Amino acid sequence: MIFLKMFLSFFQIGLLSFGGGYAALPLIQQQIVDIHGWLTVLEFTDVVTISQMTPGPIALNAASFVGAQLAGPLGAIVASVSVVLPSIIIVLTLAWFYYRYRSLRLMQGALSGLRPAVVALIASAGLSILFNVLFGTKTFPSDVGSIKLYALIVFILGFIMIRIRKINPLYMILGCGVITIALKFIGLPIGM
């Protein structure tokens, strides 16, 4: 029964995640955390982090990880196939329509109309993760004083290093991991 639930959940994620992996994050969170309770919000954040560190699309990596946690290697295969199957079907269908009707303005209008929705989905996922890391909640908290200072400092420094200094995000992830382990090892409370 778990395989059928996983297949349907990840098929739905693959079917509705226009705009790529980041746009799929709210859908993945809703299915995995909110609806089925397969993972907690903290575990979901870990899945996103691991999915970012491994090669490949984030939705596929997340599906593989969750599937493996729930039902072992076969679960990883079922979740992975089900999350990419809608894309395969949609791309083949759209390619056929596009080559047949590519000169129509309606086709160009539909594609450009999806862009703002994709930006909103990505922003929603990013804010959800940011609020979880900084405050431990899914939405903006009523008590801003509950912010985790260490997380805020790492966020600001990471943003500056990636956006202004243009360092590789992988180095940022590895550096933050090493610093956090070192601080925990020496016993400093870092609020994580």
N, C-alpha and C. Protein backbone atom coordinates (compact mmCIF):
# COMPACT_ATOMS: atom_id res chain seq x y z
N MET A 1 0.81 -1.20 0.00
CA MET A 1 0.00 0.00 0.00
C MET A 1 0.86 1.27 0.00
N ILE A 2 2.02 1.20 0.70
CA ILE A 2 2.90 2.36 0.76
C ILE A 2 3.43 2.71 -0.63
N PHE A 3 3.66 1.70 -1.48
CA PHE A 3 4.17 1.95 -2.82
C PHE A 3 3.14 2.71 -3.66
N LEU A 4 1.88 2.34 -3.53
CA LEU A 4 0.82 3.02 -4.26
C LEU A 4 0.68 4.47 -3.78
N LYS A 5 0.72 4.67 -2.45
CA LYS A 5 0.63 6.03 -1.90
C LYS A 5 1.81 6.88 -2.38
N MET A 6 3.01 6.29 -2.34
CA MET A 6 4.19 7.02 -2.81
C MET A 6 4.07 7.35 -4.29
N PHE A 7 3.64 6.35 -5.08
CA PHE A 7 3.51 6.58 -6.52
C PHE A 7 2.54 7.72 -6.79
N LEU A 8 1.38 7.69 -6.18
CA LEU A 8 0.37 8.73 -6.41
C LEU A 8 0.84 10.10 -5.92
N SER A 9 1.49 10.14 -4.75
CA SER A 9 1.96 11.41 -4.21
C SER A 9 3.03 12.02 -5.08
N PHE A 10 4.03 11.23 -5.45
CA PHE A 10 5.12 11.78 -6.25
C PHE A 10 4.71 12.00 -7.70
N PHE A 11 3.75 11.23 -8.19
CA PHE A 11 3.22 11.50 -9.53
C PHE A 11 2.52 12.86 -9.53
N GLN A 12 1.76 13.13 -8.48
CA GLN A 12 1.09 14.43 -8.36
C GLN A 12 2.12 15.56 -8.26
N ILE A 13 3.19 15.36 -7.51
CA ILE A 13 4.25 16.36 -7.40
C ILE A 13 4.85 16.61 -8.78
N GLY A 14 5.18 15.54 -9.49
CA GLY A 14 5.76 15.68 -10.82
C GLY A 14 4.80 16.33 -11.81
N LEU A 15 3.53 16.04 -11.64
CA LEU A 15 2.52 16.58 -12.55
C LEU A 15 2.29 18.07 -12.35
N LEU A 16 2.37 18.54 -11.11
CA LEU A 16 2.02 19.92 -10.79
C LEU A 16 3.21 20.85 -10.56
N SER A 17 4.41 20.35 -10.68
CA SER A 17 5.58 21.18 -10.36
C SER A 17 6.15 21.84 -11.60
N PHE A 18 5.44 22.82 -12.12
CA PHE A 18 5.93 23.60 -13.24
C PHE A 18 7.06 24.50 -12.74
N GLY A 19 8.12 24.60 -13.50
CA GLY A 19 9.20 25.51 -13.15
C GLY A 19 10.39 24.85 -12.51
N GLY A 20 10.38 23.55 -12.37
CA GLY A 20 11.56 22.87 -11.85
C GLY A 20 11.45 22.53 -10.38
N GLY A 21 12.59 22.11 -9.83
CA GLY A 21 12.65 21.59 -8.48
C GLY A 21 12.28 22.57 -7.39
N TYR A 22 12.75 23.82 -7.49
CA TYR A 22 12.44 24.79 -6.44
C TYR A 22 10.95 25.09 -6.40
N ALA A 23 10.34 25.12 -7.56
CA ALA A 23 8.89 25.35 -7.60
C ALA A 23 8.14 24.16 -7.02
N ALA A 24 8.76 22.99 -7.04
CA ALA A 24 8.12 21.79 -6.50
C ALA A 24 8.23 21.68 -4.99
N LEU A 25 9.11 22.46 -4.37
CA LEU A 25 9.33 22.33 -2.93
C LEU A 25 8.05 22.47 -2.10
N PRO A 26 7.17 23.46 -2.36
CA PRO A 26 5.95 23.52 -1.55
C PRO A 26 5.05 22.29 -1.76
N LEU A 27 5.02 21.76 -2.98
CA LEU A 27 4.22 20.57 -3.24
C LEU A 27 4.80 19.35 -2.54
N ILE A 28 6.12 19.23 -2.59
CA ILE A 28 6.78 18.10 -1.90
C ILE A 28 6.52 18.19 -0.41
N GLN A 29 6.69 19.40 0.15
CA GLN A 29 6.46 19.58 1.59
C GLN A 29 5.02 19.25 1.96
N GLN A 30 4.08 19.69 1.14
CA GLN A 30 2.67 19.42 1.44
C GLN A 30 2.40 17.92 1.46
N GLN A 31 2.90 17.20 0.46
CA GLN A 31 2.65 15.76 0.37
C GLN A 31 3.38 14.98 1.47
N ILE A 32 4.66 15.28 1.65
CA ILE A 32 5.50 14.48 2.55
C ILE A 32 5.26 14.82 4.02
N VAL A 33 5.14 16.11 4.32
CA VAL A 33 5.04 16.55 5.71
C VAL A 33 3.58 16.71 6.15
N ASP A 34 2.83 17.50 5.39
CA ASP A 34 1.49 17.88 5.83
C ASP A 34 0.45 16.79 5.65
N ILE A 35 0.38 16.21 4.47
CA ILE A 35 -0.68 15.24 4.18
C ILE A 35 -0.38 13.86 4.77
N HIS A 36 0.80 13.31 4.45
CA HIS A 36 1.11 11.94 4.86
C HIS A 36 1.89 11.84 6.17
N GLY A 37 2.59 12.90 6.55
CA GLY A 37 3.37 12.86 7.78
C GLY A 37 4.53 11.90 7.72
N TRP A 38 5.06 11.67 6.52
CA TRP A 38 6.18 10.75 6.37
C TRP A 38 7.46 11.32 6.98
N LEU A 39 7.60 12.66 6.96
CA LEU A 39 8.75 13.33 7.54
C LEU A 39 8.26 14.54 8.34
N THR A 40 9.09 14.98 9.28
CA THR A 40 8.80 16.22 9.99
C THR A 40 9.34 17.38 9.16
N VAL A 41 9.02 18.61 9.56
CA VAL A 41 9.51 19.79 8.84
C VAL A 41 11.04 19.83 8.91
N LEU A 42 11.60 19.49 10.06
CA LEU A 42 13.06 19.48 10.20
C LEU A 42 13.68 18.43 9.29
N GLU A 43 13.09 17.24 9.23
CA GLU A 43 13.60 16.20 8.34
C GLU A 43 13.46 16.63 6.88
N PHE A 44 12.37 17.33 6.56
CA PHE A 44 12.19 17.82 5.20
C PHE A 44 13.28 18.83 4.84
N THR A 45 13.63 19.70 5.77
CA THR A 45 14.71 20.65 5.54
C THR A 45 16.02 19.91 5.28
N ASP A 46 16.24 18.82 6.02
CA ASP A 46 17.44 18.00 5.78
C ASP A 46 17.41 17.37 4.39
N VAL A 47 16.23 16.92 3.96
CA VAL A 47 16.08 16.35 2.62
C VAL A 47 16.43 17.38 1.56
N VAL A 48 15.95 18.61 1.75
CA VAL A 48 16.25 19.69 0.79
C VAL A 48 17.75 19.95 0.77
N THR A 49 18.38 19.98 1.94
CA THR A 49 19.82 20.22 2.01
C THR A 49 20.59 19.11 1.32
N ILE A 50 20.24 17.87 1.59
CA ILE A 50 20.92 16.73 0.95
C ILE A 50 20.66 16.76 -0.55
N SER A 51 19.45 17.09 -0.95
CA SER A 51 19.11 17.15 -2.38
C SER A 51 19.92 18.22 -3.09
N GLN A 52 20.27 19.29 -2.38
CA GLN A 52 21.08 20.35 -2.98
C GLN A 52 22.54 19.92 -3.13
N MET A 53 23.00 19.08 -2.24
CA MET A 53 24.41 18.68 -2.25
C MET A 53 24.70 17.54 -3.22
N THR A 54 23.66 16.85 -3.66
CA THR A 54 23.87 15.73 -4.58
C THR A 54 23.53 16.17 -6.00
N PRO A 55 24.19 15.57 -6.98
CA PRO A 55 23.89 15.97 -8.37
C PRO A 55 22.50 15.55 -8.79
N GLY A 56 21.89 16.34 -9.64
CA GLY A 56 20.59 16.00 -10.18
C GLY A 56 19.51 16.96 -9.71
N PRO A 57 18.32 16.81 -10.29
CA PRO A 57 17.21 17.69 -9.93
C PRO A 57 16.78 17.48 -8.48
N ILE A 58 16.39 18.56 -7.85
CA ILE A 58 16.04 18.52 -6.43
C ILE A 58 14.82 17.65 -6.17
N ALA A 59 13.81 17.71 -7.04
CA ALA A 59 12.60 16.91 -6.83
C ALA A 59 12.92 15.41 -6.95
N LEU A 60 13.76 15.07 -7.90
CA LEU A 60 14.13 13.66 -8.08
C LEU A 60 14.97 13.17 -6.90
N ASN A 61 15.92 13.99 -6.46
CA ASN A 61 16.74 13.61 -5.31
C ASN A 61 15.89 13.47 -4.05
N ALA A 62 14.97 14.40 -3.85
CA ALA A 62 14.09 14.32 -2.68
C ALA A 62 13.21 13.08 -2.74
N ALA A 63 12.68 12.79 -3.92
CA ALA A 63 11.84 11.59 -4.08
C ALA A 63 12.65 10.33 -3.78
N SER A 64 13.86 10.26 -4.30
CA SER A 64 14.70 9.09 -4.06
C SER A 64 15.00 8.92 -2.57
N PHE A 65 15.33 10.02 -1.92
CA PHE A 65 15.66 9.97 -0.50
C PHE A 65 14.45 9.54 0.34
N VAL A 66 13.31 10.16 0.10
CA VAL A 66 12.10 9.83 0.87
C VAL A 66 11.67 8.40 0.59
N GLY A 67 11.69 8.00 -0.69
CA GLY A 67 11.32 6.63 -1.04
C GLY A 67 12.22 5.61 -0.36
N ALA A 68 13.52 5.89 -0.31
CA ALA A 68 14.46 4.98 0.34
C ALA A 68 14.21 4.91 1.84
N GLN A 69 13.88 6.05 2.45
CA GLN A 69 13.60 6.05 3.88
C GLN A 69 12.34 5.29 4.22
N LEU A 70 11.33 5.38 3.34
CA LEU A 70 10.05 4.74 3.64
C LEU A 70 10.02 3.26 3.30
N ALA A 71 10.66 2.89 2.18
CA ALA A 71 10.52 1.50 1.73
C ALA A 71 11.78 0.93 1.11
N GLY A 72 12.93 1.45 1.45
CA GLY A 72 14.19 0.90 0.97
C GLY A 72 14.44 1.20 -0.50
N PRO A 73 15.32 0.41 -1.12
CA PRO A 73 15.69 0.67 -2.52
C PRO A 73 14.51 0.63 -3.50
N LEU A 74 13.57 -0.28 -3.29
CA LEU A 74 12.40 -0.35 -4.16
C LEU A 74 11.54 0.91 -4.01
N GLY A 75 11.46 1.42 -2.79
CA GLY A 75 10.74 2.67 -2.56
C GLY A 75 11.39 3.84 -3.27
N ALA A 76 12.73 3.86 -3.27
CA ALA A 76 13.45 4.92 -3.98
C ALA A 76 13.16 4.86 -5.47
N ILE A 77 13.11 3.66 -6.02
CA ILE A 77 12.84 3.49 -7.45
C ILE A 77 11.41 3.93 -7.77
N VAL A 78 10.45 3.49 -6.97
CA VAL A 78 9.04 3.85 -7.21
C VAL A 78 8.86 5.37 -7.13
N ALA A 79 9.39 5.98 -6.09
CA ALA A 79 9.24 7.43 -5.92
C ALA A 79 9.94 8.19 -7.05
N SER A 80 11.12 7.74 -7.44
CA SER A 80 11.88 8.42 -8.50
C SER A 80 11.18 8.32 -9.85
N VAL A 81 10.72 7.13 -10.18
CA VAL A 81 10.03 6.95 -11.47
C VAL A 81 8.73 7.75 -11.49
N SER A 82 8.00 7.73 -10.39
CA SER A 82 6.71 8.41 -10.38
C SER A 82 6.84 9.92 -10.44
N VAL A 83 7.94 10.49 -9.93
CA VAL A 83 8.09 11.94 -9.97
C VAL A 83 8.52 12.42 -11.36
N VAL A 84 9.18 11.58 -12.14
CA VAL A 84 9.60 11.99 -13.49
C VAL A 84 8.63 11.56 -14.58
N LEU A 85 7.78 10.59 -14.30
CA LEU A 85 6.85 10.09 -15.31
C LEU A 85 5.92 11.17 -15.87
N PRO A 86 5.33 12.04 -15.04
CA PRO A 86 4.49 13.09 -15.62
C PRO A 86 5.28 14.02 -16.54
N SER A 87 6.52 14.32 -16.17
CA SER A 87 7.34 15.19 -17.02
C SER A 87 7.59 14.56 -18.38
N ILE A 88 7.87 13.29 -18.38
CA ILE A 88 8.10 12.59 -19.65
C ILE A 88 6.85 12.66 -20.52
N ILE A 89 5.71 12.37 -19.93
CA ILE A 89 4.44 12.39 -20.68
C ILE A 89 4.14 13.81 -21.16
N ILE A 90 4.28 14.79 -20.29
CA ILE A 90 3.98 16.18 -20.64
C ILE A 90 4.92 16.70 -21.72
N VAL A 91 6.22 16.43 -21.56
CA VAL A 91 7.19 16.93 -22.54
C VAL A 91 6.96 16.31 -23.91
N LEU A 92 6.69 15.03 -23.95
CA LEU A 92 6.42 14.39 -25.24
C LEU A 92 5.15 14.96 -25.88
N THR A 93 4.13 15.18 -25.09
CA THR A 93 2.88 15.75 -25.61
C THR A 93 3.08 17.19 -26.06
N LEU A 94 3.76 17.99 -25.22
CA LEU A 94 4.00 19.39 -25.59
C LEU A 94 4.90 19.51 -26.81
N ALA A 95 5.89 18.64 -26.91
CA ALA A 95 6.77 18.68 -28.08
C ALA A 95 5.97 18.43 -29.35
N TRP A 96 5.08 17.47 -29.28
CA TRP A 96 4.24 17.19 -30.44
C TRP A 96 3.39 18.41 -30.79
N PHE A 97 2.70 19.00 -29.77
CA PHE A 97 1.87 20.18 -30.01
C PHE A 97 2.71 21.38 -30.47
N TYR A 98 3.86 21.56 -29.84
CA TYR A 98 4.69 22.71 -30.18
C TYR A 98 5.15 22.65 -31.64
N TYR A 99 5.65 21.52 -32.05
CA TYR A 99 6.10 21.41 -33.44
C TYR A 99 4.94 21.50 -34.43
N ARG A 100 3.78 21.10 -34.00
CA ARG A 100 2.62 21.16 -34.88
C ARG A 100 2.02 22.57 -34.93
N TYR A 101 2.00 23.26 -33.76
CA TYR A 101 1.32 24.56 -33.67
C TYR A 101 2.24 25.67 -33.16
N ARG A 102 3.52 25.62 -33.40
CA ARG A 102 4.46 26.57 -32.82
C ARG A 102 4.26 28.02 -33.27
N SER A 103 3.60 28.22 -34.35
CA SER A 103 3.43 29.59 -34.84
C SER A 103 2.24 30.32 -34.18
N LEU A 104 1.45 29.64 -33.41
CA LEU A 104 0.28 30.27 -32.76
C LEU A 104 0.71 31.15 -31.58
N ARG A 105 0.09 32.32 -31.48
CA ARG A 105 0.37 33.23 -30.36
C ARG A 105 -0.13 32.63 -29.03
N LEU A 106 -1.17 31.84 -29.08
CA LEU A 106 -1.72 31.23 -27.88
C LEU A 106 -0.66 30.38 -27.17
N MET A 107 0.12 29.66 -27.94
CA MET A 107 1.17 28.81 -27.36
C MET A 107 2.21 29.67 -26.64
N GLN A 108 2.65 30.76 -27.27
CA GLN A 108 3.63 31.65 -26.65
C GLN A 108 3.04 32.35 -25.42
N GLY A 109 1.78 32.73 -25.49
CA GLY A 109 1.13 33.39 -24.37
C GLY A 109 0.99 32.48 -23.16
N ALA A 110 0.66 31.22 -23.40
CA ALA A 110 0.51 30.27 -22.29
C ALA A 110 1.84 30.07 -21.57
N LEU A 111 2.91 29.95 -22.33
CA LEU A 111 4.22 29.74 -21.71
C LEU A 111 4.68 30.96 -20.92
N SER A 112 4.46 32.16 -21.46
CA SER A 112 4.88 33.36 -20.72
C SER A 112 3.98 33.63 -19.52
N GLY A 113 2.75 33.15 -19.54
CA GLY A 113 1.84 33.33 -18.41
C GLY A 113 2.20 32.48 -17.20
N LEU A 114 2.94 31.41 -17.41
CA LEU A 114 3.33 30.54 -16.30
C LEU A 114 4.49 31.12 -15.49
N ARG A 115 5.28 32.01 -16.06
CA ARG A 115 6.48 32.52 -15.38
C ARG A 115 6.19 33.16 -14.02
N PRO A 116 5.22 34.07 -13.89
CA PRO A 116 4.98 34.67 -12.56
C PRO A 116 4.56 33.64 -11.51
N ALA A 117 3.80 32.65 -11.91
CA ALA A 117 3.38 31.61 -10.96
C ALA A 117 4.58 30.82 -10.46
N VAL A 118 5.52 30.55 -11.34
CA VAL A 118 6.72 29.80 -10.96
C VAL A 118 7.55 30.62 -9.97
N VAL A 119 7.69 31.91 -10.20
CA VAL A 119 8.43 32.77 -9.28
C VAL A 119 7.76 32.77 -7.90
N ALA A 120 6.45 32.82 -7.86
CA ALA A 120 5.73 32.80 -6.58
C ALA A 120 5.94 31.48 -5.85
N LEU A 121 5.94 30.37 -6.56
CA LEU A 121 6.17 29.07 -5.93
C LEU A 121 7.58 28.98 -5.35
N ILE A 122 8.56 29.46 -6.10
CA ILE A 122 9.94 29.43 -5.61
C ILE A 122 10.09 30.31 -4.38
N ALA A 123 9.50 31.51 -4.41
CA ALA A 123 9.57 32.42 -3.26
C ALA A 123 8.89 31.81 -2.04
N SER A 124 7.77 31.15 -2.24
CA SER A 124 7.05 30.51 -1.13
C SER A 124 7.90 29.43 -0.47
N ALA A 125 8.53 28.60 -1.28
CA ALA A 125 9.39 27.54 -0.75
C ALA A 125 10.58 28.13 -0.01
N GLY A 126 11.20 29.14 -0.59
CA GLY A 126 12.35 29.77 0.04
C GLY A 126 12.01 30.40 1.38
N LEU A 127 10.88 31.10 1.44
CA LEU A 127 10.47 31.73 2.69
C LEU A 127 10.11 30.69 3.75
N SER A 128 9.49 29.60 3.32
CA SER A 128 9.15 28.52 4.27
C SER A 128 10.41 27.96 4.92
N ILE A 129 11.41 27.71 4.11
CA ILE A 129 12.67 27.16 4.63
C ILE A 129 13.37 28.20 5.50
N LEU A 130 13.38 29.46 5.06
CA LEU A 130 14.02 30.53 5.83
C LEU A 130 13.38 30.69 7.20
N PHE A 131 12.05 30.73 7.25
CA PHE A 131 11.36 30.87 8.53
C PHE A 131 11.61 29.66 9.43
N ASN A 132 11.68 28.48 8.84
CA ASN A 132 11.95 27.27 9.63
C ASN A 132 13.34 27.33 10.24
N VAL A 133 14.32 27.78 9.46
CA VAL A 133 15.69 27.84 9.96
C VAL A 133 15.85 28.95 10.99
N LEU A 134 15.31 30.12 10.72
CA LEU A 134 15.51 31.27 11.61
C LEU A 134 14.64 31.24 12.86
N PHE A 135 13.40 30.75 12.72
CA PHE A 135 12.45 30.82 13.84
C PHE A 135 11.90 29.47 14.29
N GLY A 136 12.09 28.43 13.48
CA GLY A 136 11.54 27.12 13.82
C GLY A 136 10.05 27.01 13.52
N THR A 137 9.53 27.90 12.66
CA THR A 137 8.11 27.87 12.28
C THR A 137 7.99 27.87 10.76
N LYS A 138 6.80 27.53 10.27
CA LYS A 138 6.57 27.52 8.83
C LYS A 138 6.24 28.90 8.28
N THR A 139 5.72 29.77 9.13
CA THR A 139 5.34 31.11 8.70
C THR A 139 6.05 32.14 9.57
N PHE A 140 5.91 33.41 9.20
CA PHE A 140 6.56 34.47 9.98
C PHE A 140 5.98 34.45 11.39
N PRO A 141 6.85 34.37 12.42
CA PRO A 141 6.34 34.24 13.80
C PRO A 141 5.83 35.57 14.35
N SER A 142 4.99 35.46 15.36
CA SER A 142 4.50 36.67 16.03
C SER A 142 5.57 37.25 16.94
N ASP A 143 6.48 36.40 17.41
CA ASP A 143 7.57 36.84 18.30
C ASP A 143 8.88 36.83 17.52
N VAL A 144 9.27 38.00 17.00
CA VAL A 144 10.49 38.10 16.21
C VAL A 144 11.72 37.91 17.10
N GLY A 145 11.56 38.08 18.39
CA GLY A 145 12.68 37.90 19.32
C GLY A 145 13.14 36.47 19.44
N SER A 146 12.37 35.52 18.89
CA SER A 146 12.75 34.11 18.99
C SER A 146 13.70 33.69 17.87
N ILE A 147 14.27 34.66 17.18
CA ILE A 147 15.16 34.36 16.06
C ILE A 147 16.44 33.68 16.57
N LYS A 148 16.91 32.73 15.79
CA LYS A 148 18.15 32.04 16.11
C LYS A 148 19.29 32.87 15.54
N LEU A 149 20.04 33.52 16.43
CA LEU A 149 21.06 34.47 16.03
C LEU A 149 22.14 33.83 15.16
N TYR A 150 22.58 32.63 15.53
CA TYR A 150 23.59 31.94 14.74
C TYR A 150 23.10 31.71 13.31
N ALA A 151 21.86 31.28 13.17
CA ALA A 151 21.30 31.02 11.84
C ALA A 151 21.20 32.31 11.03
N LEU A 152 20.84 33.41 11.68
CA LEU A 152 20.75 34.70 10.99
C LEU A 152 22.13 35.15 10.50
N ILE A 153 23.13 35.00 11.34
CA ILE A 153 24.49 35.39 10.95
C ILE A 153 24.98 34.53 9.78
N VAL A 154 24.75 33.24 9.85
CA VAL A 154 25.17 32.35 8.76
C VAL A 154 24.41 32.70 7.48
N PHE A 155 23.12 33.00 7.59
CA PHE A 155 22.33 33.38 6.42
C PHE A 155 22.88 34.64 5.77
N ILE A 156 23.13 35.66 6.58
CA ILE A 156 23.63 36.93 6.03
C ILE A 156 25.01 36.75 5.41
N LEU A 157 25.91 36.08 6.12
CA LEU A 157 27.25 35.85 5.57
C LEU A 157 27.19 34.98 4.31
N GLY A 158 26.35 33.97 4.33
CA GLY A 158 26.20 33.11 3.15
C GLY A 158 25.67 33.88 1.96
N PHE A 159 24.69 34.72 2.20
CA PHE A 159 24.12 35.54 1.12
C PHE A 159 25.19 36.45 0.53
N ILE A 160 25.94 37.10 1.40
CA ILE A 160 27.01 38.00 0.94
C ILE A 160 28.07 37.23 0.17
N MET A 161 28.48 36.10 0.70
CA MET A 161 29.55 35.32 0.05
C MET A 161 29.11 34.79 -1.31
N ILE A 162 27.87 34.37 -1.43
CA ILE A 162 27.40 33.79 -2.69
C ILE A 162 27.03 34.88 -3.69
N ARG A 163 26.30 35.90 -3.27
CA ARG A 163 25.81 36.93 -4.21
C ARG A 163 26.85 37.98 -4.55
N ILE A 164 27.65 38.40 -3.57
CA ILE A 164 28.60 39.48 -3.81
C ILE A 164 29.99 38.94 -4.14
N ARG A 165 30.48 38.03 -3.34
CA ARG A 165 31.82 37.48 -3.56
C ARG A 165 31.85 36.38 -4.62
N LYS A 166 30.67 35.87 -5.00
CA LYS A 166 30.52 34.87 -6.07
C LYS A 166 31.27 33.56 -5.81
N ILE A 167 31.27 33.12 -4.53
CA ILE A 167 31.92 31.84 -4.26
C ILE A 167 30.97 30.71 -4.65
N ASN A 168 31.51 29.56 -4.86
CA ASN A 168 30.74 28.39 -5.23
C ASN A 168 29.83 28.00 -4.05
N PRO A 169 28.52 27.81 -4.27
CA PRO A 169 27.62 27.43 -3.17
C PRO A 169 28.03 26.14 -2.46
N LEU A 170 28.66 25.22 -3.18
CA LEU A 170 29.11 23.99 -2.55
C LEU A 170 30.14 24.28 -1.46
N TYR A 171 31.06 25.21 -1.72
CA TYR A 171 32.04 25.59 -0.70
C TYR A 171 31.35 26.23 0.49
N MET A 172 30.31 26.98 0.24
CA MET A 172 29.56 27.62 1.33
C MET A 172 28.89 26.55 2.20
N ILE A 173 28.27 25.58 1.56
CA ILE A 173 27.60 24.51 2.31
C ILE A 173 28.62 23.73 3.14
N LEU A 174 29.71 23.35 2.51
CA LEU A 174 30.74 22.59 3.23
C LEU A 174 31.34 23.42 4.37
N GLY A 175 31.62 24.70 4.11
CA GLY A 175 32.19 25.57 5.14
C GLY A 175 31.27 25.72 6.33
N CYS A 176 29.99 25.95 6.07
CA CYS A 176 29.02 26.08 7.16
C CYS A 176 28.90 24.79 7.96
N GLY A 177 28.94 23.67 7.27
CA GLY A 177 28.89 22.38 7.96
C GLY A 177 30.08 22.18 8.88
N VAL A 178 31.27 22.50 8.38
CA VAL A 178 32.49 22.34 9.18
C VAL A 178 32.46 23.28 10.38
N ILE A 179 32.07 24.54 10.17
CA ILE A 179 32.00 25.51 11.28
C ILE A 179 31.00 25.07 12.33
N THR A 180 29.83 24.59 11.90
CA THR A 180 28.81 24.15 12.84
C THR A 180 29.29 22.95 13.66
N ILE A 181 29.91 21.99 12.99
CA ILE A 181 30.45 20.82 13.71
C ILE A 181 31.51 21.25 14.71
N ALA A 182 32.39 22.17 14.28
CA ALA A 182 33.45 22.65 15.18
C ALA A 182 32.86 23.36 16.40
N LEU A 183 31.86 24.21 16.17
CA LEU A 183 31.24 24.93 17.30
C LEU A 183 30.52 23.97 18.24
N LYS A 184 29.86 22.99 17.69
CA LYS A 184 29.19 22.00 18.55
C LYS A 184 30.22 21.16 19.30
N PHE A 185 31.33 20.84 18.63
CA PHE A 185 32.38 20.02 19.24
C PHE A 185 33.00 20.72 20.45
N ILE A 186 33.20 22.04 20.35
CA ILE A 186 33.80 22.75 21.48
C ILE A 186 32.75 23.16 22.52
N GLY A 187 31.46 22.86 22.19
CA GLY A 187 30.41 23.06 23.19
C GLY A 187 29.74 24.41 23.20
N LEU A 188 29.91 25.19 22.15
CA LEU A 188 29.23 26.48 22.10
C LEU A 188 27.76 26.28 21.71
N PRO A 189 26.86 26.95 22.42
CA PRO A 189 25.44 26.85 22.03
C PRO A 189 25.21 27.71 20.79
N ILE A 190 24.82 27.07 19.71
CA ILE A 190 24.64 27.81 18.46
C ILE A 190 23.18 27.94 18.09
N GLY A 191 22.29 27.43 18.89
CA GLY A 191 20.86 27.63 18.67
C GLY A 191 20.30 26.84 17.51
N MET A 192 20.91 25.78 17.14
CA MET A 192 20.42 24.98 16.01
C MET A 192 19.81 23.70 16.54
